[in-house]
C-alpha atoms as a PDB file:
ATOM      1  CA  UNK A   1       2.530  23.162  -5.466  1.00  0.00           C
ATOM      2  CA  UNK A   2       1.342  23.791  -1.919  1.00  0.00           C
ATOM      3  CA  UNK A   3       2.861  26.886  -0.343  1.00  0.00           C
ATOM      4  CA  UNK A   4       1.191  26.895   3.065  1.00  0.00           C
ATOM      5  CA  UNK A   5       4.363  25.625   4.798  1.00  0.00           C
ATOM      6  CA  UNK A   6       2.128  24.073   7.463  1.00  0.00           C
ATOM      7  CA  UNK A   7       4.815  21.512   8.324  1.00  0.00           C
ATOM      8  CA  UNK A   8       7.572  24.030   8.879  1.00  0.00           C
ATOM      9  CA  UNK A   9      10.138  22.678  11.343  1.00  0.00           C
ATOM     10  CA  UNK A  10       8.864  19.093  11.227  1.00  0.00           C
ATOM     11  CA  UNK A  11      11.084  16.082  10.561  1.00  0.00           C
ATOM     12  CA  UNK A  12       9.513  13.522   8.230  1.00  0.00           C
ATOM     13  CA  UNK A  13      10.686  10.051   7.241  1.00  0.00           C
ATOM     14  CA  UNK A  14       9.193   8.448   4.123  1.00  0.00           C
ATOM     15  CA  UNK A  15      10.137   4.826   3.538  1.00  0.00           C
ATOM     16  CA  UNK A  16      10.498   3.826  -0.092  1.00  0.00           C
ATOM     17  CA  UNK A  17      10.619   7.477  -1.047  1.00  0.00           C
ATOM     18  CA  UNK A  18      12.747   7.291  -4.173  1.00  0.00           C
ATOM     19  CA  UNK A  19      10.039   6.475  -6.706  1.00  0.00           C
ATOM     20  CA  UNK A  20       6.392   6.866  -7.664  1.00  0.00           C
ATOM     21  CA  UNK A  21       4.005   7.508  -4.761  1.00  0.00           C
ATOM     22  CA  UNK A  22       6.795   7.691  -2.190  1.00  0.00           C
ATOM     23  CA  UNK A  23       8.692  10.321  -4.161  1.00  0.00           C
ATOM     24  CA  UNK A  24       5.528  12.386  -4.591  1.00  0.00           C
ATOM     25  CA  UNK A  25       4.893  12.229  -0.850  1.00  0.00           C
ATOM     26  CA  UNK A  26       8.455  13.294  -0.066  1.00  0.00           C
ATOM     27  CA  UNK A  27       8.249  16.249  -2.437  1.00  0.00           C
ATOM     28  CA  UNK A  28       4.880  17.354  -1.029  1.00  0.00           C
ATOM     29  CA  UNK A  29       5.961  17.185   2.613  1.00  0.00           C
ATOM     30  CA  UNK A  30       9.079  19.161   1.751  1.00  0.00           C
ATOM     31  CA  UNK A  31       6.976  21.752  -0.090  1.00  0.00           C
ATOM     32  CA  UNK A  32       4.899  22.013   3.080  1.00  0.00           C
ATOM     33  CA  UNK A  33       8.040  22.911   5.020  1.00  0.00           C
ATOM     34  CA  UNK A  34       9.186  19.601   6.507  1.00  0.00           C
ATOM     35  CA  UNK A  35      12.747  18.372   6.466  1.00  0.00           C
ATOM     36  CA  UNK A  36      12.402  15.038   4.692  1.00  0.00           C
ATOM     37  CA  UNK A  37      14.409  11.828   4.877  1.00  0.00           C
ATOM     38  CA  UNK A  38      13.675   9.050   2.410  1.00  0.00           C
ATOM     39  CA  UNK A  39      14.802   5.450   2.373  1.00  0.00           C
ATOM     40  CA  UNK A  40      15.579   3.540  -0.780  1.00  0.00           C
ATOM     41  CA  UNK A  41      16.868   0.116  -1.732  1.00  0.00           C
ATOM     42  CA  UNK A  42      17.641  -0.524  -5.391  1.00  0.00           C
ATOM     43  CA  UNK A  43      17.395   2.977  -6.851  1.00  0.00           C
ATOM     44  CA  UNK A  44      20.103   5.312  -5.488  1.00  0.00           C
ATOM     45  CA  UNK A  45      20.046   7.505  -8.582  1.00  0.00           C
ATOM     46  CA  UNK A  46      16.322   8.106  -8.258  1.00  0.00           C
ATOM     47  CA  UNK A  47      16.681   8.766  -4.520  1.00  0.00           C
ATOM     48  CA  UNK A  48      19.371  11.356  -5.182  1.00  0.00           C
ATOM     49  CA  UNK A  49      17.158  12.903  -7.856  1.00  0.00           C
ATOM     50  CA  UNK A  50      14.314  13.302  -5.354  1.00  0.00           C
ATOM     51  CA  UNK A  51      16.679  14.947  -2.869  1.00  0.00           C
ATOM     52  CA  UNK A  52      18.063  17.254  -5.562  1.00  0.00           C
ATOM     53  CA  UNK A  53      14.577  18.270  -6.662  1.00  0.00           C
ATOM     54  CA  UNK A  54      13.578  19.110  -3.097  1.00  0.00           C
ATOM     55  CA  UNK A  55      16.751  21.088  -2.478  1.00  0.00           C
ATOM     56  CA  UNK A  56      16.399  22.967  -5.780  1.00  0.00           C
ATOM     57  CA  UNK A  57      12.965  24.108  -4.594  1.00  0.00           C
ATOM     58  CA  UNK A  58      14.468  25.435  -1.365  1.00  0.00           C
ATOM     59  CA  UNK A  59      13.723  22.423   0.835  1.00  0.00           C
ATOM     60  CA  UNK A  60      15.879  20.084   2.868  1.00  0.00           C
ATOM     61  CA  UNK A  61      16.155  16.329   2.302  1.00  0.00           C
ATOM     62  CA  UNK A  62      18.444  13.341   2.673  1.00  0.00           C
ATOM     63  CA  UNK A  63      18.374   9.796   1.310  1.00  0.00           C
ATOM     64  CA  UNK A  64      19.275   6.736   3.384  1.00  0.00           C
ATOM     65  CA  UNK A  65      19.872   3.283   1.941  1.00  0.00           C
ATOM     66  CA  UNK A  66      17.751   0.588   3.599  1.00  0.00           C
ATOM     67  CA  UNK A  67      16.106  -2.593   2.354  1.00  0.00           C
ATOM     68  CA  UNK A  68      12.587  -2.380   3.804  1.00  0.00           C
ATOM     69  CA  UNK A  69      12.575  -6.165   4.154  1.00  0.00           C
ATOM     70  CA  UNK A  70      15.694  -6.205   6.341  1.00  0.00           C
ATOM     71  CA  UNK A  71      14.837  -5.346   9.964  1.00  0.00           C
ATOM     72  CA  UNK A  72      18.423  -4.429  10.866  1.00  0.00           C
ATOM     73  CA  UNK A  73      18.660  -2.075   7.912  1.00  0.00           C
ATOM     74  CA  UNK A  74      15.318  -0.470   8.750  1.00  0.00           C
ATOM     75  CA  UNK A  75      16.289   0.060  12.387  1.00  0.00           C
ATOM     76  CA  UNK A  76      19.609   1.548  11.380  1.00  0.00           C
ATOM     77  CA  UNK A  77      17.975   3.919   8.888  1.00  0.00           C
ATOM     78  CA  UNK A  78      15.387   5.186  11.368  1.00  0.00           C
ATOM     79  CA  UNK A  79      18.008   5.738  14.040  1.00  0.00           C
ATOM     80  CA  UNK A  80      20.293   7.426  11.517  1.00  0.00           C
ATOM     81  CA  UNK A  81      17.576   9.958  10.763  1.00  0.00           C
ATOM     82  CA  UNK A  82      16.726  10.479  14.445  1.00  0.00           C
ATOM     83  CA  UNK A  83      20.364  10.987  15.399  1.00  0.00           C
ATOM     84  CA  UNK A  84      20.893  13.479  12.587  1.00  0.00           C
ATOM     85  CA  UNK A  85      17.815  15.607  13.248  1.00  0.00           C
ATOM     86  CA  UNK A  86      17.124  14.896  16.913  1.00  0.00           C
ATOM     87  CA  UNK A  87      13.663  13.424  16.489  1.00  0.00           C
ATOM     88  CA  UNK A  88      11.066  12.137  14.023  1.00  0.00           C
ATOM     89  CA  UNK A  89       7.734  13.940  13.855  1.00  0.00           C
ATOM     90  CA  UNK A  90       6.152  12.216  10.852  1.00  0.00           C
ATOM     91  CA  UNK A  91       6.580   8.639   9.676  1.00  0.00           C
ATOM     92  CA  UNK A  92       5.104   7.587   6.347  1.00  0.00           C
ATOM     93  CA  UNK A  93       5.312   3.823   5.883  1.00  0.00           C
ATOM     94  CA  UNK A  94       5.187   3.767   2.108  1.00  0.00           C
ATOM     95  CA  UNK A  95       7.704   1.084   1.113  1.00  0.00           C
ATOM     96  CA  UNK A  96       5.953  -1.907  -0.391  1.00  0.00           C
ATOM     97  CA  UNK A  97       6.133  -4.554  -3.068  1.00  0.00           C
ATOM     98  CA  UNK A  98       3.591  -6.652  -4.930  1.00  0.00           C
ATOM     99  CA  UNK A  99       3.628 -10.380  -5.604  1.00  0.00           C
ATOM    100  CA  UNK A 100       0.884 -11.527  -7.944  1.00  0.00           C
ATOM    101  CA  UNK A 101      -0.201 -15.074  -8.639  1.00  0.00           C
ATOM    102  CA  UNK A 102      -2.777 -17.707  -7.821  1.00  0.00           C
ATOM    103  CA  UNK A 103      -2.487 -18.694  -4.156  1.00  0.00           C
ATOM    104  CA  UNK A 104      -1.479 -22.204  -5.205  1.00  0.00           C
ATOM    105  CA  UNK A 105       1.312 -20.877  -7.422  1.00  0.00           C
ATOM    106  CA  UNK A 106       3.073 -18.239  -5.310  1.00  0.00           C
ATOM    107  CA  UNK A 107       6.498 -19.446  -4.212  1.00  0.00           C
ATOM    108  CA  UNK A 108       6.845 -19.458  -0.453  1.00  0.00           C
ATOM    109  CA  UNK A 109      10.052 -17.454  -0.746  1.00  0.00           C
ATOM    110  CA  UNK A 110       8.123 -14.730  -2.564  1.00  0.00           C
ATOM    111  CA  UNK A 111       5.448 -14.819   0.122  1.00  0.00           C
ATOM    112  CA  UNK A 112       8.090 -14.438   2.835  1.00  0.00           C
ATOM    113  CA  UNK A 113       9.570 -11.483   0.973  1.00  0.00           C
ATOM    114  CA  UNK A 114       6.301  -9.601   0.628  1.00  0.00           C
ATOM    115  CA  UNK A 115       5.585 -10.171   4.313  1.00  0.00           C
ATOM    116  CA  UNK A 116       9.062  -8.933   5.207  1.00  0.00           C
ATOM    117  CA  UNK A 117       8.668  -5.688   3.251  1.00  0.00           C
ATOM    118  CA  UNK A 118       4.966  -4.908   3.586  1.00  0.00           C
ATOM    119  CA  UNK A 119       4.359  -6.051   7.160  1.00  0.00           C
ATOM    120  CA  UNK A 120       7.554  -6.623   9.145  1.00  0.00           C
ATOM    121  CA  UNK A 121       9.190  -3.541   7.652  1.00  0.00           C
ATOM    122  CA  UNK A 122       6.204  -1.417   8.655  1.00  0.00           C
ATOM    123  CA  UNK A 123       6.260  -2.767  12.206  1.00  0.00           C
ATOM    124  CA  UNK A 124       9.997  -2.266  12.646  1.00  0.00           C
ATOM    125  CA  UNK A 125      10.010   1.256  11.203  1.00  0.00           C
ATOM    126  CA  UNK A 126       7.110   2.207  13.443  1.00  0.00           C
ATOM    127  CA  UNK A 127       8.633   0.638  16.537  1.00  0.00           C
ATOM    128  CA  UNK A 128      11.923   2.444  16.047  1.00  0.00           C
ATOM    129  CA  UNK A 129      10.399   5.776  15.048  1.00  0.00           C
ATOM    130  CA  UNK A 130       8.250   5.814  18.172  1.00  0.00           C
ATOM    131  CA  UNK A 131      11.386   5.875  20.286  1.00  0.00           C
ATOM    132  CA  UNK A 132      12.063   9.305  18.788  1.00  0.00           C
ATOM    133  CA  UNK A 133       8.512  10.676  18.405  1.00  0.00           C
ATOM    134  CA  UNK A 134       6.701  12.876  20.861  1.00  0.00           C
ATOM    135  CA  UNK A 135       3.302  14.463  21.281  1.00  0.00           C
ATOM    136  CA  UNK A 136       1.877  15.671  18.001  1.00  0.00           C
ATOM    137  CA  UNK A 137       3.575  12.868  16.085  1.00  0.00           C
ATOM    138  CA  UNK A 138       2.015  11.449  12.958  1.00  0.00           C
ATOM    139  CA  UNK A 139       2.195   7.910  11.599  1.00  0.00           C
ATOM    140  CA  UNK A 140       0.684   7.360   8.158  1.00  0.00           C
ATOM    141  CA  UNK A 141       0.550   3.968   6.491  1.00  0.00           C
ATOM    142  CA  UNK A 142       0.102   3.537   2.765  1.00  0.00           C
ATOM    143  CA  UNK A 143      -2.370   0.712   2.300  1.00  0.00           C
ATOM    144  CA  UNK A 144      -4.414  -0.209  -0.770  1.00  0.00           C
ATOM    145  CA  UNK A 145      -7.987   0.053  -1.950  1.00  0.00           C
ATOM    146  CA  UNK A 146      -7.673  -3.701  -2.600  1.00  0.00           C
ATOM    147  CA  UNK A 147      -8.545  -4.300   1.071  1.00  0.00           C
ATOM    148  CA  UNK A 148     -11.944  -2.727   0.335  1.00  0.00           C
ATOM    149  CA  UNK A 149     -12.474  -4.126  -3.149  1.00  0.00           C
ATOM    150  CA  UNK A 150     -10.281  -6.861  -4.642  1.00  0.00           C
ATOM    151  CA  UNK A 151     -10.739  -5.821  -8.248  1.00  0.00           C
ATOM    152  CA  UNK A 152      -8.955  -8.701  -9.936  1.00  0.00           C
ATOM    153  CA  UNK A 153      -7.591 -12.168  -9.127  1.00  0.00           C
ATOM    154  CA  UNK A 154      -3.957 -13.083  -8.285  1.00  0.00           C
ATOM    155  CA  UNK A 155      -3.598 -10.368  -5.611  1.00  0.00           C
ATOM    156  CA  UNK A 156      -4.464 -12.369  -2.483  1.00  0.00           C
ATOM    157  CA  UNK A 157      -0.953 -12.301  -0.979  1.00  0.00           C
ATOM    158  CA  UNK A 158      -0.627  -8.568  -1.560  1.00  0.00           C
ATOM    159  CA  UNK A 159      -4.076  -7.916  -0.129  1.00  0.00           C
ATOM    160  CA  UNK A 160      -3.245  -9.997   2.937  1.00  0.00           C
ATOM    161  CA  UNK A 161      -0.282  -7.753   3.725  1.00  0.00           C
ATOM    162  CA  UNK A 162      -2.204  -4.530   3.257  1.00  0.00           C
ATOM    163  CA  UNK A 163      -5.023  -5.860   5.413  1.00  0.00           C
ATOM    164  CA  UNK A 164      -2.481  -6.524   8.136  1.00  0.00           C
ATOM    165  CA  UNK A 165      -1.270  -2.939   7.937  1.00  0.00           C
ATOM    166  CA  UNK A 166      -4.844  -1.693   8.267  1.00  0.00           C
ATOM    167  CA  UNK A 167      -5.321  -3.766  11.401  1.00  0.00           C
ATOM    168  CA  UNK A 168      -2.002  -2.519  12.768  1.00  0.00           C
ATOM    169  CA  UNK A 169      -3.281   1.034  12.416  1.00  0.00           C
ATOM    170  CA  UNK A 170      -6.355   0.276  14.515  1.00  0.00           C
ATOM    171  CA  UNK A 171      -4.328  -1.274  17.311  1.00  0.00           C
ATOM    172  CA  UNK A 172      -1.773   1.534  17.358  1.00  0.00           C
ATOM    173  CA  UNK A 173      -4.492   4.130  17.766  1.00  0.00           C
ATOM    174  CA  UNK A 174      -5.307   2.757  21.216  1.00  0.00           C
ATOM    175  CA  UNK A 175      -1.655   2.549  22.222  1.00  0.00           C
ATOM    176  CA  UNK A 176      -0.658   5.990  20.988  1.00  0.00           C
ATOM    177  CA  UNK A 177      -3.761   8.152  21.398  1.00  0.00           C
ATOM    178  CA  UNK A 178      -2.927   8.998  25.031  1.00  0.00           C
ATOM    179  CA  UNK A 179       0.532  10.117  23.861  1.00  0.00           C
ATOM    180  CA  UNK A 180      -0.894  12.590  21.364  1.00  0.00           C
ATOM    181  CA  UNK A 181       0.227  10.605  18.316  1.00  0.00           C
ATOM    182  CA  UNK A 182      -2.214   9.923  15.499  1.00  0.00           C
ATOM    183  CA  UNK A 183      -2.126   6.876  13.210  1.00  0.00           C
ATOM    184  CA  UNK A 184      -3.981   6.640   9.921  1.00  0.00           C
ATOM    185  CA  UNK A 185      -3.991   4.654   6.687  1.00  0.00           C
ATOM    186  CA  UNK A 186      -4.261   6.077   3.193  1.00  0.00           C
ATOM    187  CA  UNK A 187      -5.616   3.573   0.674  1.00  0.00           C
ATOM    188  CA  UNK A 188      -4.597   4.495  -2.869  1.00  0.00           C
ATOM    189  CA  UNK A 189      -6.813   3.229  -5.633  1.00  0.00           C
ATOM    190  CA  UNK A 190      -5.398   2.551  -9.104  1.00  0.00           C
ATOM    191  CA  UNK A 191      -2.489   4.978  -9.181  1.00  0.00           C
ATOM    192  CA  UNK A 192       0.053   5.502 -11.927  1.00  0.00           C
ATOM    193  CA  UNK A 193       3.246   4.075 -10.454  1.00  0.00           C
ATOM    194  CA  UNK A 194       6.081   1.664 -11.102  1.00  0.00           C
ATOM    195  CA  UNK A 195       3.998  -1.066  -9.495  1.00  0.00           C
ATOM    196  CA  UNK A 196       0.775  -0.271 -11.345  1.00  0.00           C
ATOM    197  CA  UNK A 197       1.392   1.901 -14.431  1.00  0.00           C
ATOM    198  CA  UNK A 198      -1.563   3.544 -16.131  1.00  0.00           C
ATOM    199  CA  UNK A 199      -0.686   1.589 -19.269  1.00  0.00           C
ATOM    200  CA  UNK A 200       0.084  -1.663 -17.455  1.00  0.00           C
ATOM    201  CA  UNK A 201      -1.308  -5.180 -17.684  1.00  0.00           C
ATOM    202  CA  UNK A 202      -4.469  -4.557 -15.636  1.00  0.00           C
ATOM    203  CA  UNK A 203      -5.078  -0.922 -16.569  1.00  0.00           C
ATOM    204  CA  UNK A 204      -7.621  -1.494 -19.328  1.00  0.00           C
ATOM    205  CA  UNK A 205      -9.598  -3.808 -17.063  1.00  0.00           C
ATOM    206  CA  UNK A 206      -9.471  -1.507 -14.046  1.00  0.00           C
ATOM    207  CA  UNK A 207      -9.932   1.943 -15.586  1.00  0.00           C
ATOM    208  CA  UNK A 208     -13.653   1.591 -16.473  1.00  0.00           C
ATOM    209  CA  UNK A 209     -14.402   1.085 -12.778  1.00  0.00           C
ATOM    210  CA  UNK A 210     -12.795   4.372 -11.708  1.00  0.00           C
ATOM    211  CA  UNK A 211     -15.599   6.891 -11.336  1.00  0.00           C
ATOM    212  CA  UNK A 212     -13.223   9.807 -11.915  1.00  0.00           C
ATOM    213  CA  UNK A 213     -12.344   8.323 -15.289  1.00  0.00           C
ATOM    214  CA  UNK A 214      -8.582   8.308 -14.795  1.00  0.00           C
ATOM    215  CA  UNK A 215      -5.782   6.676 -12.888  1.00  0.00           C
ATOM    216  CA  UNK A 216      -4.605   8.543  -9.823  1.00  0.00           C
ATOM    217  CA  UNK A 217      -1.259  10.274  -9.665  1.00  0.00           C
ATOM    218  CA  UNK A 218       1.265  10.302  -6.859  1.00  0.00           C
ATOM    219  CA  UNK A 219       0.306  13.895  -6.105  1.00  0.00           C
ATOM    220  CA  UNK A 220      -3.249  12.775  -5.310  1.00  0.00           C
ATOM    221  CA  UNK A 221      -1.967  10.426  -2.624  1.00  0.00           C
ATOM    222  CA  UNK A 222       0.554  12.971  -1.381  1.00  0.00           C
ATOM    223  CA  UNK A 223      -2.190  15.536  -0.820  1.00  0.00           C
ATOM    224  CA  UNK A 224      -4.004  13.148   1.518  1.00  0.00           C
ATOM    225  CA  UNK A 225      -0.781  12.375   3.396  1.00  0.00           C
ATOM    226  CA  UNK A 226      -0.082  16.098   3.722  1.00  0.00           C
ATOM    227  CA  UNK A 227      -3.444  16.652   5.395  1.00  0.00           C
ATOM    228  CA  UNK A 228      -3.022  13.766   7.824  1.00  0.00           C
ATOM    229  CA  UNK A 229       0.472  14.986   8.709  1.00  0.00           C
ATOM    230  CA  UNK A 230      -0.764  18.484   9.518  1.00  0.00           C
ATOM    231  CA  UNK A 231      -2.096  19.985  12.730  1.00  0.00           C
ATOM    232  CA  UNK A 232      -5.508  20.208  11.060  1.00  0.00           C
ATOM    233  CA  UNK A 233      -5.787  16.425  11.384  1.00  0.00           C
ATOM    234  CA  UNK A 234      -5.041  16.312  15.117  1.00  0.00           C
ATOM    235  CA  UNK A 235      -8.454  14.732  15.816  1.00  0.00           C
ATOM    236  CA  UNK A 236      -8.214  12.209  12.975  1.00  0.00           C
ATOM    237  CA  UNK A 237      -6.839   8.851  14.095  1.00  0.00           C
ATOM    238  CA  UNK A 238      -7.640   5.303  13.070  1.00  0.00           C
ATOM    239  CA  UNK A 239      -9.057   6.517   9.761  1.00  0.00           C
ATOM    240  CA  UNK A 240      -8.875   4.692   6.460  1.00  0.00           C
ATOM    241  CA  UNK A 241      -8.808   7.380   3.808  1.00  0.00           C
ATOM    242  CA  UNK A 242      -9.652   6.055   0.343  1.00  0.00           C
ATOM    243  CA  UNK A 243      -8.014   8.060  -2.430  1.00  0.00           C
ATOM    244  CA  UNK A 244      -9.298   6.093  -5.382  1.00  0.00           C
ATOM    245  CA  UNK A 245     -11.380   8.289  -7.650  1.00  0.00           C
ATOM    246  CA  UNK A 246     -14.510   6.470  -6.554  1.00  0.00           C
ATOM    247  CA  UNK A 247     -13.148   3.050  -7.526  1.00  0.00           C
ATOM    248  CA  UNK A 248     -14.571   1.356  -4.427  1.00  0.00           C
ATOM    249  CA  UNK A 249     -17.796   3.376  -4.270  1.00  0.00           C
END
């Protein structure tokens, strides 16, 4: 575990931080010294477990219930965190869902839901967090290597949403650069998670294409987020950092 404490005194908000990649990010930022707030929707027990793990290691964390696809809930959660801690220094837009299927088969209701969580939720969380973020702030979006290399069919709707997030990053850079706030996207490759387990339906097809020879772990993604959240990355903005074991090489 990192012991540099390079985020000491920072306030971080990780959306969808109760499970998988989000939980790993929350734990890493806390290990780096940040006070961490996580949002969760359907997994309060797992959210409380993340908080307990952070606190047991000497860190500080809270969990806030918020459906990432509900703009009112997202706004309320962000403002709850800002009111409690006085500001937000780091926002990690991690919450996301996947809807797989041929483009002719995806129900429109499912398409609306993935847009609500993966795109609208990211916009709303960012908009609200910026009201409480000053110079030196960090916004980090969790994208997907699928925007660089669509490795299998049925993922067009998911890829659309992650492509939108990537474009959002580029636009924000121009808006926020003069304010001293950086914005970057981390693109995980095949990563062992609830959404894409290392023994899941596509794993055997995908794994041979990973140059590193293994699925990623949440800690791999968290390490990249930790760097982008730190002062060492103050001149990094608008970047798309692929953390994929060479999958898209």
